Structures are given as structure tokens and as C-alpha cells.
Amino acid sequence: MKWLFLKEWRTLWRNYKWIWLPAVISLLSIMQPISSFYMEDIMKLSGSLPEGAIFKIPVPTAEEVMASVLSQNNSIGILLFIVATMGAVADERKNGSLVFLLTRPVATFHIIGSKLVAYCLLAILSVTFGFLLSGYYTSVLFGDLNWDYALLGLLVYLLFVCFVVAVILACSSIFLNNATVAMVSAVVLGALMIAGGWFSVPLAWLPTQLSDYAVSMITEGSMPSGFTGCLLVTLIAIILLLFAASYALKRNINA
């Protein structure tokens, strides 16, 4: 298992994913507090306001700005995770390296497990680095940030990130074409998030609700009552996705 993880680690470096993913997420995270702070000036300089018009935007709190950083990751961030992860299994199936790897005494469960750990670590470190940078700029521009609540919210959000990675890896194990993997992953995650938004109370246990729980922790300093159930369901879902991806990979290789 260890040498499989090291193989994935080296692959991520060789494909520059350890460079471009943290860089892009950090840039997007930093832009959120900066754009929020200068939004009024940006609107004035855009020239879209009538002459003499007075334009006032309520100043958000530091916690609200950090919550918007996580909300931004729910859209652009997920797309970046899909781009970074969609070829994790599919590309190796196409170039034959997985077939060669399976000639050695190694189980598909260990292969998928090493990929899940490596890609989750990549996503976790990318989001964490971007979050900490945006937290610094938010503290400078908007005043003191309650770091205790912010970091607790980040921990909850990182579990949501691991679930996202697990979904994409499962799709990459099932489908051979990267475009199909990206489309199915986006549809599945998007459908879960829409369903959670429409039926937030009866579907409070959905794994995608973790992002809302993270925002609630940052802005309110408390966790809604459905968090415990959501946490357990998410952990079970990640394990089931791991087994499903391993089974799909084994079946596709033997087909």
C-alpha cells in the first residue's frame, strides 16, 4: 500500500498537479476578500452607474467573507477537483499501466485506496492553503476573524472535499472517457447539492450538506442538529464508494 501511495504521489508531482491546483485555488480564495472589500470602488470605476448616483454596499463581516470563500469552492472548486482527478484511473486504464500493475500481487482495493488517499491529500492541502491565505487577507481588510470557528468549519468542509474526490474516483473507475467521467461527476454532485438545497430538512443527512454545515459553523459558531447524521452518512458513503470503485475497476480490467 505504501509504495502504491508513493507512486501516486510522484505522479501528481510529474503532472504538476501539486503546483497548479493549490495555486489556482489559492488565487481564487484570495480574490474573494479583496473583491468584496473593493466592490464599491469596482462598481464606480465600471461606469455602469448613472452620473451622481450613490451606491452603497453593506460591509460584510469577516466570517461572512470566509463563508463566501467556501461557497465559491462549491462551484469553481469542484470543477477544479474534477479536472485534477478525472483521469486518475481512466488514463491508466487507457495506457495499459493498470493492467501491468495488476500482474503483480496487488489488489484493486489497494490501488483505489492509494489513489483516494493521494488525491484527498492534494485537495485537502490545496483548500487549506487557500483558506488560510484568504483568512489572512480577510483579517487585514475586514477586522478580526474568529479563527476557532473558522478552522472548525474548514475541518467540516474538508470532509465534504474528500467525498467529492471519492465520487470522481468512482466515476473514473467506471468510465473510460475523461469527458464522460467529468460530466457524470458534475451531474451527480450537482444533483445532490440541488436536492439538498430544495429539501434541506428531510435531506439534512446528504454528504453535500456538509458545506452548509461548515458555513454555519463559521458564521454562527454552531452546528445544526442534522450534522451528526450527515457526518456518519458521509463516512459510510466514502467507504462504499471505495469498494464500488474497486469492484468496477476489477470488472473492467477482466472484461
C-alpha atoms as a PDB file:
ATOM      1  CA  MET A   1       0.000   0.000   0.000  1.00  0.00           C
ATOM      2  CA  LYS A   2       2.820   2.400   0.866  1.00  0.00           C
ATOM      3  CA  TRP A   3       4.623   2.004  -2.461  1.00  0.00           C
ATOM      4  CA  LEU A   4       1.334   2.489  -4.295  1.00  0.00           C
ATOM      5  CA  PHE A   5       0.789   5.761  -2.432  1.00  0.00           C
ATOM      6  CA  LEU A   6       4.344   6.898  -3.253  1.00  0.00           C
ATOM      7  CA  LYS A   7       3.672   6.056  -6.909  1.00  0.00           C
ATOM      8  CA  GLU A   8       0.571   8.260  -6.877  1.00  0.00           C
ATOM      9  CA  TRP A   9       2.476  10.997  -5.060  1.00  0.00           C
ATOM     10  CA  ARG A  10       5.188  11.023  -7.730  1.00  0.00           C
ATOM     11  CA  THR A  11       2.555  11.001 -10.483  1.00  0.00           C
ATOM     12  CA  LEU A  12       0.900  14.085  -9.009  1.00  0.00           C
ATOM     13  CA  TRP A  13       4.249  15.878  -8.988  1.00  0.00           C
ATOM     14  CA  ARG A  14       5.069  14.706 -12.508  1.00  0.00           C
ATOM     15  CA  ASN A  15       1.749  16.059 -13.770  1.00  0.00           C
ATOM     16  CA  TYR A  16       2.306  19.359 -11.901  1.00  0.00           C
ATOM     17  CA  LYS A  17      -0.966  18.915 -10.001  1.00  0.00           C
ATOM     18  CA  TRP A  18       0.814  19.726  -6.755  1.00  0.00           C
ATOM     19  CA  ILE A  19       1.620  23.100  -8.328  1.00  0.00           C
ATOM     20  CA  TRP A  20      -1.336  24.264 -10.381  1.00  0.00           C
ATOM     21  CA  LEU A  21      -4.225  23.090  -8.166  1.00  0.00           C
ATOM     22  CA  PRO A  22      -3.049  24.786  -4.925  1.00  0.00           C
ATOM     23  CA  ALA A  23      -2.032  27.864  -6.942  1.00  0.00           C
ATOM     24  CA  VAL A  24      -5.399  28.271  -8.670  1.00  0.00           C
ATOM     25  CA  ILE A  25      -7.467  27.588  -5.544  1.00  0.00           C
ATOM     26  CA  SER A  26      -5.303  29.980  -3.510  1.00  0.00           C
ATOM     27  CA  LEU A  27      -5.679  32.704  -6.135  1.00  0.00           C
ATOM     28  CA  LEU A  28      -9.457  32.297  -6.211  1.00  0.00           C
ATOM     29  CA  SER A  29      -9.603  32.268  -2.404  1.00  0.00           C
ATOM     30  CA  ILE A  30      -7.537  35.453  -2.105  1.00  0.00           C
ATOM     31  CA  MET A  31      -9.658  37.238  -4.712  1.00  0.00           C
ATOM     32  CA  GLN A  32     -12.821  36.767  -2.640  1.00  0.00           C
ATOM     33  CA  PRO A  33     -11.942  39.059   0.320  1.00  0.00           C
ATOM     34  CA  ILE A  34     -10.152  41.541  -1.950  1.00  0.00           C
ATOM     35  CA  SER A  35     -13.051  41.821  -4.397  1.00  0.00           C
ATOM     36  CA  SER A  36     -15.542  42.066  -1.521  1.00  0.00           C
ATOM     37  CA  PHE A  37     -13.573  44.909   0.061  1.00  0.00           C
ATOM     38  CA  TYR A  38     -13.180  46.917  -3.155  1.00  0.00           C
ATOM     39  CA  MET A  39     -16.553  46.031  -4.713  1.00  0.00           C
ATOM     40  CA  GLU A  40     -17.957  49.539  -4.276  1.00  0.00           C
ATOM     41  CA  ASP A  41     -14.918  51.078  -5.985  1.00  0.00           C
ATOM     42  CA  ILE A  42     -15.077  48.478  -8.754  1.00  0.00           C
ATOM     43  CA  MET A  43     -18.724  49.322  -9.435  1.00  0.00           C
ATOM     44  CA  LYS A  44     -17.924  53.033  -9.550  1.00  0.00           C
ATOM     45  CA  LEU A  45     -14.991  52.552 -11.936  1.00  0.00           C
ATOM     46  CA  SER A  46     -17.035  50.297 -14.219  1.00  0.00           C
ATOM     47  CA  GLY A  47     -19.039  53.319 -15.371  1.00  0.00           C
ATOM     48  CA  SER A  48     -22.305  51.417 -15.245  1.00  0.00           C
ATOM     49  CA  LEU A  49     -23.867  53.753 -12.662  1.00  0.00           C
ATOM     50  CA  PRO A  50     -25.789  56.915 -13.623  1.00  0.00           C
ATOM     51  CA  GLU A  51     -23.973  60.165 -13.010  1.00  0.00           C
ATOM     52  CA  GLY A  52     -24.460  61.385  -9.458  1.00  0.00           C
ATOM     53  CA  ALA A  53     -25.855  58.060  -8.268  1.00  0.00           C
ATOM     54  CA  ILE A  54     -24.873  56.976  -4.761  1.00  0.00           C
ATOM     55  CA  PHE A  55     -24.008  53.295  -4.488  1.00  0.00           C
ATOM     56  CA  LYS A  56     -23.564  51.730  -1.090  1.00  0.00           C
ATOM     57  CA  ILE A  57     -22.814  48.064  -0.400  1.00  0.00           C
ATOM     58  CA  PRO A  58     -23.191  46.761   3.164  1.00  0.00           C
ATOM     59  CA  VAL A  59     -19.800  45.776   4.530  1.00  0.00           C
ATOM     60  CA  PRO A  60     -19.763  42.024   5.260  1.00  0.00           C
ATOM     61  CA  THR A  61     -18.269  40.639   8.431  1.00  0.00           C
ATOM     62  CA  ALA A  62     -15.025  38.685   8.355  1.00  0.00           C
ATOM     63  CA  GLU A  63     -16.947  35.481   8.996  1.00  0.00           C
ATOM     64  CA  GLU A  64     -19.317  36.156   6.087  1.00  0.00           C
ATOM     65  CA  VAL A  65     -16.372  36.689   3.761  1.00  0.00           C
ATOM     66  CA  MET A  66     -14.791  33.381   4.802  1.00  0.00           C
ATOM     67  CA  ALA A  67     -18.120  31.633   4.321  1.00  0.00           C
ATOM     68  CA  SER A  68     -18.244  33.018   0.779  1.00  0.00           C
ATOM     69  CA  VAL A  69     -14.776  31.559   0.149  1.00  0.00           C
ATOM     70  CA  LEU A  70     -16.110  28.071   0.894  1.00  0.00           C
ATOM     71  CA  SER A  71     -19.262  28.713  -1.128  1.00  0.00           C
ATOM     72  CA  GLN A  72     -17.084  29.651  -4.092  1.00  0.00           C
ATOM     73  CA  ASN A  73     -15.322  26.300  -3.807  1.00  0.00           C
ATOM     74  CA  ASN A  74     -18.704  24.595  -4.201  1.00  0.00           C
ATOM     75  CA  SER A  75     -18.750  25.713  -7.827  1.00  0.00           C
ATOM     76  CA  ILE A  76     -15.356  26.561  -9.262  1.00  0.00           C
ATOM     77  CA  GLY A  77     -13.508  24.435  -6.719  1.00  0.00           C
ATOM     78  CA  ILE A  78     -15.477  21.296  -7.574  1.00  0.00           C
ATOM     79  CA  LEU A  79     -14.788  21.842 -11.273  1.00  0.00           C
ATOM     80  CA  LEU A  80     -11.076  22.078 -10.481  1.00  0.00           C
ATOM     81  CA  PHE A  81     -11.219  18.850  -8.459  1.00  0.00           C
ATOM     82  CA  ILE A  82     -12.935  17.134 -11.390  1.00  0.00           C
ATOM     83  CA  VAL A  83     -10.248  18.305 -13.819  1.00  0.00           C
ATOM     84  CA  ALA A  84      -7.474  17.170 -11.472  1.00  0.00           C
ATOM     85  CA  THR A  85      -8.991  13.780 -10.589  1.00  0.00           C
ATOM     86  CA  MET A  86     -10.992  12.597 -13.600  1.00  0.00           C
ATOM     87  CA  GLY A  87      -8.046  10.788 -15.217  1.00  0.00           C
ATOM     88  CA  ALA A  88      -6.737   9.168 -12.038  1.00  0.00           C
ATOM     89  CA  VAL A  89      -7.987   5.715 -13.061  1.00  0.00           C
ATOM     90  CA  ALA A  90      -9.276   6.184 -16.604  1.00  0.00           C
ATOM     91  CA  ASP A  91      -5.929   7.367 -18.006  1.00  0.00           C
ATOM     92  CA  GLU A  92      -4.043   4.417 -16.520  1.00  0.00           C
ATOM     93  CA  ARG A  93      -6.628   2.021 -17.921  1.00  0.00           C
ATOM     94  CA  LYS A  94      -6.203   3.528 -21.392  1.00  0.00           C
ATOM     95  CA  ASN A  95      -2.397   3.453 -21.425  1.00  0.00           C
ATOM     96  CA  GLY A  96      -2.259  -0.085 -20.016  1.00  0.00           C
ATOM     97  CA  SER A  97      -0.282   0.735 -16.878  1.00  0.00           C
ATOM     98  CA  LEU A  98      -3.042  -0.623 -14.639  1.00  0.00           C
ATOM     99  CA  VAL A  99      -3.034  -3.954 -16.471  1.00  0.00           C
ATOM    100  CA  PHE A 100       0.725  -4.167 -15.971  1.00  0.00           C
ATOM    101  CA  LEU A 101       0.357  -3.180 -12.309  1.00  0.00           C
ATOM    102  CA  LEU A 102      -2.182  -5.939 -11.706  1.00  0.00           C
ATOM    103  CA  THR A 103       0.309  -8.553 -12.895  1.00  0.00           C
ATOM    104  CA  ARG A 104       1.921  -8.030  -9.504  1.00  0.00           C
ATOM    105  CA  PRO A 105       0.357  -9.338  -6.267  1.00  0.00           C
ATOM    106  CA  VAL A 106      -1.723  -6.224  -5.604  1.00  0.00           C
ATOM    107  CA  ALA A 107      -5.482  -5.861  -5.092  1.00  0.00           C
ATOM    108  CA  THR A 108      -7.639  -3.320  -6.891  1.00  0.00           C
ATOM    109  CA  PHE A 109      -8.835  -2.158  -3.458  1.00  0.00           C
ATOM    110  CA  HIS A 110      -5.274  -1.105  -2.596  1.00  0.00           C
ATOM    111  CA  ILE A 111      -4.886   0.668  -5.936  1.00  0.00           C
ATOM    112  CA  ILE A 112      -8.067   2.688  -5.495  1.00  0.00           C
ATOM    113  CA  GLY A 113      -7.301   3.242  -1.806  1.00  0.00           C
ATOM    114  CA  SER A 114      -3.874   4.715  -2.571  1.00  0.00           C
ATOM    115  CA  LYS A 115      -5.378   6.993  -5.215  1.00  0.00           C
ATOM    116  CA  LEU A 116      -8.115   8.127  -2.838  1.00  0.00           C
ATOM    117  CA  VAL A 117      -5.598   8.991  -0.113  1.00  0.00           C
ATOM    118  CA  ALA A 118      -3.253  10.798  -2.522  1.00  0.00           C
ATOM    119  CA  TYR A 119      -5.952  12.850  -4.254  1.00  0.00           C
ATOM    120  CA  CYS A 120      -7.728  13.635  -0.991  1.00  0.00           C
ATOM    121  CA  LEU A 121      -4.437  14.873   0.429  1.00  0.00           C
ATOM    122  CA  LEU A 122      -3.891  17.023  -2.660  1.00  0.00           C
ATOM    123  CA  ALA A 123      -7.380  18.529  -2.374  1.00  0.00           C
ATOM    124  CA  ILE A 124      -7.157  18.992   1.405  1.00  0.00           C
ATOM    125  CA  LEU A 125      -3.813  20.801   1.289  1.00  0.00           C
ATOM    126  CA  SER A 126      -4.951  22.952  -1.656  1.00  0.00           C
ATOM    127  CA  VAL A 127      -8.165  24.052   0.063  1.00  0.00           C
ATOM    128  CA  THR A 128      -6.453  24.543   3.423  1.00  0.00           C
ATOM    129  CA  PHE A 129      -3.658  26.675   1.967  1.00  0.00           C
ATOM    130  CA  GLY A 130      -6.138  28.830   0.066  1.00  0.00           C
ATOM    131  CA  PHE A 131      -8.398  29.134   3.112  1.00  0.00           C
ATOM    132  CA  LEU A 132      -5.553  30.254   5.371  1.00  0.00           C
ATOM    133  CA  LEU A 133      -4.374  32.828   2.835  1.00  0.00           C
ATOM    134  CA  SER A 134      -7.872  34.220   2.394  1.00  0.00           C
ATOM    135  CA  GLY A 135      -8.255  34.241   6.183  1.00  0.00           C
ATOM    136  CA  TYR A 136      -5.160  36.418   6.490  1.00  0.00           C
ATOM    137  CA  TYR A 137      -6.392  38.930   3.913  1.00  0.00           C
ATOM    138  CA  THR A 138      -9.866  38.895   5.445  1.00  0.00           C
ATOM    139  CA  SER A 139      -8.425  39.700   8.875  1.00  0.00           C
ATOM    140  CA  VAL A 140      -6.445  42.585   7.397  1.00  0.00           C
ATOM    141  CA  LEU A 141      -9.314  44.048   5.366  1.00  0.00           C
ATOM    142  CA  PHE A 142     -12.384  43.285   7.497  1.00  0.00           C
ATOM    143  CA  GLY A 143     -11.102  43.064  11.056  1.00  0.00           C
ATOM    144  CA  ASP A 144     -10.627  40.209  13.489  1.00  0.00           C
ATOM    145  CA  LEU A 145     -11.737  36.763  12.382  1.00  0.00           C
ATOM    146  CA  ASN A 146     -12.820  34.121  14.864  1.00  0.00           C
ATOM    147  CA  TRP A 147     -10.217  31.547  13.879  1.00  0.00           C
ATOM    148  CA  ASP A 148     -11.603  28.882  16.215  1.00  0.00           C
ATOM    149  CA  TYR A 149     -14.914  28.755  14.374  1.00  0.00           C
ATOM    150  CA  ALA A 150     -13.225  29.260  11.006  1.00  0.00           C
ATOM    151  CA  LEU A 151     -10.905  26.280  11.444  1.00  0.00           C
ATOM    152  CA  LEU A 152     -13.721  24.067  12.746  1.00  0.00           C
ATOM    153  CA  GLY A 153     -15.747  25.000   9.692  1.00  0.00           C
ATOM    154  CA  LEU A 154     -12.753  24.209   7.500  1.00  0.00           C
ATOM    155  CA  LEU A 155     -12.420  20.731   9.031  1.00  0.00           C
ATOM    156  CA  VAL A 156     -16.064  20.005   8.249  1.00  0.00           C
ATOM    157  CA  TYR A 157     -15.622  21.282   4.708  1.00  0.00           C
ATOM    158  CA  LEU A 158     -12.555  19.117   4.148  1.00  0.00           C
ATOM    159  CA  LEU A 159     -14.658  16.007   4.760  1.00  0.00           C
ATOM    160  CA  PHE A 160     -17.008  17.250   2.046  1.00  0.00           C
ATOM    161  CA  VAL A 161     -13.974  17.638  -0.234  1.00  0.00           C
ATOM    162  CA  CYS A 162     -12.989  14.007   0.426  1.00  0.00           C
ATOM    163  CA  PHE A 163     -16.490  12.896  -0.541  1.00  0.00           C
ATOM    164  CA  VAL A 164     -16.229  14.869  -3.796  1.00  0.00           C
ATOM    165  CA  VAL A 165     -12.910  13.194  -4.609  1.00  0.00           C
ATOM    166  CA  ALA A 166     -14.375   9.755  -3.821  1.00  0.00           C
ATOM    167  CA  VAL A 167     -17.276  10.359  -6.237  1.00  0.00           C
ATOM    168  CA  ILE A 168     -14.930  11.425  -9.037  1.00  0.00           C
ATOM    169  CA  LEU A 169     -12.624   8.429  -8.470  1.00  0.00           C
ATOM    170  CA  ALA A 170     -15.589   6.068  -8.578  1.00  0.00           C
ATOM    171  CA  CYS A 171     -16.705   7.580 -11.901  1.00  0.00           C
ATOM    172  CA  SER A 172     -13.136   7.327 -13.224  1.00  0.00           C
ATOM    173  CA  SER A 173     -13.137   3.617 -12.339  1.00  0.00           C
ATOM    174  CA  ILE A 174     -16.424   3.005 -14.133  1.00  0.00           C
ATOM    175  CA  PHE A 175     -15.968   5.069 -17.306  1.00  0.00           C
ATOM    176  CA  LEU A 176     -13.000   5.099 -19.677  1.00  0.00           C
ATOM    177  CA  ASN A 177     -13.507   8.513 -21.299  1.00  0.00           C
ATOM    178  CA  ASN A 178     -12.431  11.545 -19.267  1.00  0.00           C
ATOM    179  CA  ALA A 179     -15.224  13.691 -20.691  1.00  0.00           C
ATOM    180  CA  THR A 180     -17.779  11.136 -19.519  1.00  0.00           C
ATOM    181  CA  VAL A 181     -16.151  10.987 -16.092  1.00  0.00           C
ATOM    182  CA  ALA A 182     -16.281  14.779 -15.786  1.00  0.00           C
ATOM    183  CA  MET A 183     -19.886  15.016 -16.975  1.00  0.00           C
ATOM    184  CA  VAL A 184     -21.216  12.221 -14.745  1.00  0.00           C
ATOM    185  CA  SER A 185     -19.298  13.516 -11.706  1.00  0.00           C
ATOM    186  CA  ALA A 186     -20.632  17.036 -12.231  1.00  0.00           C
ATOM    187  CA  VAL A 187     -24.199  15.779 -12.702  1.00  0.00           C
ATOM    188  CA  VAL A 188     -24.114  13.535  -9.611  1.00  0.00           C
ATOM    189  CA  LEU A 189     -22.589  16.184  -7.347  1.00  0.00           C
ATOM    190  CA  GLY A 190     -24.768  18.925  -8.799  1.00  0.00           C
ATOM    191  CA  ALA A 191     -27.932  16.850  -8.339  1.00  0.00           C
ATOM    192  CA  LEU A 192     -27.043  16.096  -4.720  1.00  0.00           C
ATOM    193  CA  MET A 193     -26.382  19.760  -3.993  1.00  0.00           C
ATOM    194  CA  ILE A 194     -29.619  20.893  -5.670  1.00  0.00           C
ATOM    195  CA  ALA A 195     -31.631  18.249  -3.829  1.00  0.00           C
ATOM    196  CA  GLY A 196     -30.033  19.293  -0.548  1.00  0.00           C
ATOM    197  CA  GLY A 197     -30.886  22.919  -1.273  1.00  0.00           C
ATOM    198  CA  TRP A 198     -34.517  22.220  -2.116  1.00  0.00           C
ATOM    199  CA  PHE A 199     -35.148  19.725   0.670  1.00  0.00           C
ATOM    200  CA  SER A 200     -32.667  20.830   3.304  1.00  0.00           C
ATOM    201  CA  VAL A 201     -34.650  19.489   6.259  1.00  0.00           C
ATOM    202  CA  PRO A 202     -35.617  15.966   5.114  1.00  0.00           C
ATOM    203  CA  LEU A 203     -32.263  15.554   3.346  1.00  0.00           C
ATOM    204  CA  ALA A 204     -30.122  17.018   6.114  1.00  0.00           C
ATOM    205  CA  TRP A 205     -28.046  13.810   6.074  1.00  0.00           C
ATOM    206  CA  LEU A 206     -26.820  14.222   2.476  1.00  0.00           C
ATOM    207  CA  PRO A 207     -22.988  14.435   2.310  1.00  0.00           C
ATOM    208  CA  THR A 208     -23.189  17.616   0.214  1.00  0.00           C
ATOM    209  CA  GLN A 209     -24.906  19.321   3.154  1.00  0.00           C
ATOM    210  CA  LEU A 210     -21.541  19.368   4.907  1.00  0.00           C
ATOM    211  CA  SER A 211     -20.637  22.521   3.015  1.00  0.00           C
ATOM    212  CA  ASP A 212     -23.682  24.275   4.510  1.00  0.00           C
ATOM    213  CA  TYR A 213     -22.779  22.987   7.966  1.00  0.00           C
ATOM    214  CA  ALA A 214     -19.261  24.374   7.512  1.00  0.00           C
ATOM    215  CA  VAL A 215     -20.662  27.788   6.585  1.00  0.00           C
ATOM    216  CA  SER A 216     -22.982  27.674   9.603  1.00  0.00           C
ATOM    217  CA  MET A 217     -20.049  26.928  11.908  1.00  0.00           C
ATOM    218  CA  ILE A 218     -18.044  29.861  10.537  1.00  0.00           C
ATOM    219  CA  THR A 219     -20.832  32.442  10.573  1.00  0.00           C
ATOM    220  CA  GLU A 220     -22.840  31.354  13.627  1.00  0.00           C
ATOM    221  CA  GLY A 221     -20.380  29.331  15.688  1.00  0.00           C
ATOM    222  CA  SER A 222     -22.809  26.436  15.969  1.00  0.00           C
ATOM    223  CA  MET A 223     -23.714  23.274  14.104  1.00  0.00           C
ATOM    224  CA  PRO A 224     -27.292  22.385  13.065  1.00  0.00           C
ATOM    225  CA  SER A 225     -28.882  19.318  14.611  1.00  0.00           C
ATOM    226  CA  GLY A 226     -28.502  17.179  11.486  1.00  0.00           C
ATOM    227  CA  PHE A 227     -24.718  17.337  11.456  1.00  0.00           C
ATOM    228  CA  THR A 228     -24.031  14.076  13.296  1.00  0.00           C
ATOM    229  CA  GLY A 229     -26.175  12.038  10.922  1.00  0.00           C
ATOM    230  CA  CYS A 230     -24.633  13.775   7.929  1.00  0.00           C
ATOM    231  CA  LEU A 231     -21.143  13.044   9.244  1.00  0.00           C
ATOM    232  CA  LEU A 232     -21.874   9.321   9.628  1.00  0.00           C
ATOM    233  CA  VAL A 233     -23.547   9.061   6.215  1.00  0.00           C
ATOM    234  CA  THR A 234     -20.601  10.813   4.559  1.00  0.00           C
ATOM    235  CA  LEU A 235     -18.044   8.462   6.111  1.00  0.00           C
ATOM    236  CA  ILE A 236     -20.116   5.432   5.100  1.00  0.00           C
ATOM    237  CA  ALA A 237     -20.582   6.850   1.591  1.00  0.00           C
ATOM    238  CA  ILE A 238     -16.832   7.326   1.132  1.00  0.00           C
ATOM    239  CA  ILE A 239     -16.166   3.725   2.208  1.00  0.00           C
ATOM    240  CA  LEU A 240     -18.899   2.393  -0.086  1.00  0.00           C
ATOM    241  CA  LEU A 241     -17.557   4.443  -3.000  1.00  0.00           C
ATOM    242  CA  LEU A 242     -14.108   2.985  -2.333  1.00  0.00           C
ATOM    243  CA  PHE A 243     -15.450  -0.557  -2.539  1.00  0.00           C
ATOM    244  CA  ALA A 244     -17.629   0.269  -5.562  1.00  0.00           C
ATOM    245  CA  ALA A 245     -14.677   1.790  -7.414  1.00  0.00           C
ATOM    246  CA  SER A 246     -12.513  -1.251  -6.610  1.00  0.00           C
ATOM    247  CA  TYR A 247     -15.206  -3.642  -7.873  1.00  0.00           C
ATOM    248  CA  ALA A 248     -15.771  -1.598 -11.044  1.00  0.00           C
ATOM    249  CA  LEU A 249     -12.056  -1.460 -11.781  1.00  0.00           C
ATOM    250  CA  LYS A 250     -11.629  -5.214 -11.303  1.00  0.00           C
ATOM    251  CA  ARG A 251     -14.626  -5.944 -13.504  1.00  0.00           C
ATOM    252  CA  ASN A 252     -13.474  -3.588 -16.271  1.00  0.00           C
ATOM    253  CA  ILE A 253      -9.926  -4.955 -16.247  1.00  0.00           C
ATOM    254  CA  ASN A 254     -11.164  -8.536 -16.510  1.00  0.00           C
ATOM    255  CA  ALA A 255     -13.724  -7.719 -19.192  1.00  0.00           C
END
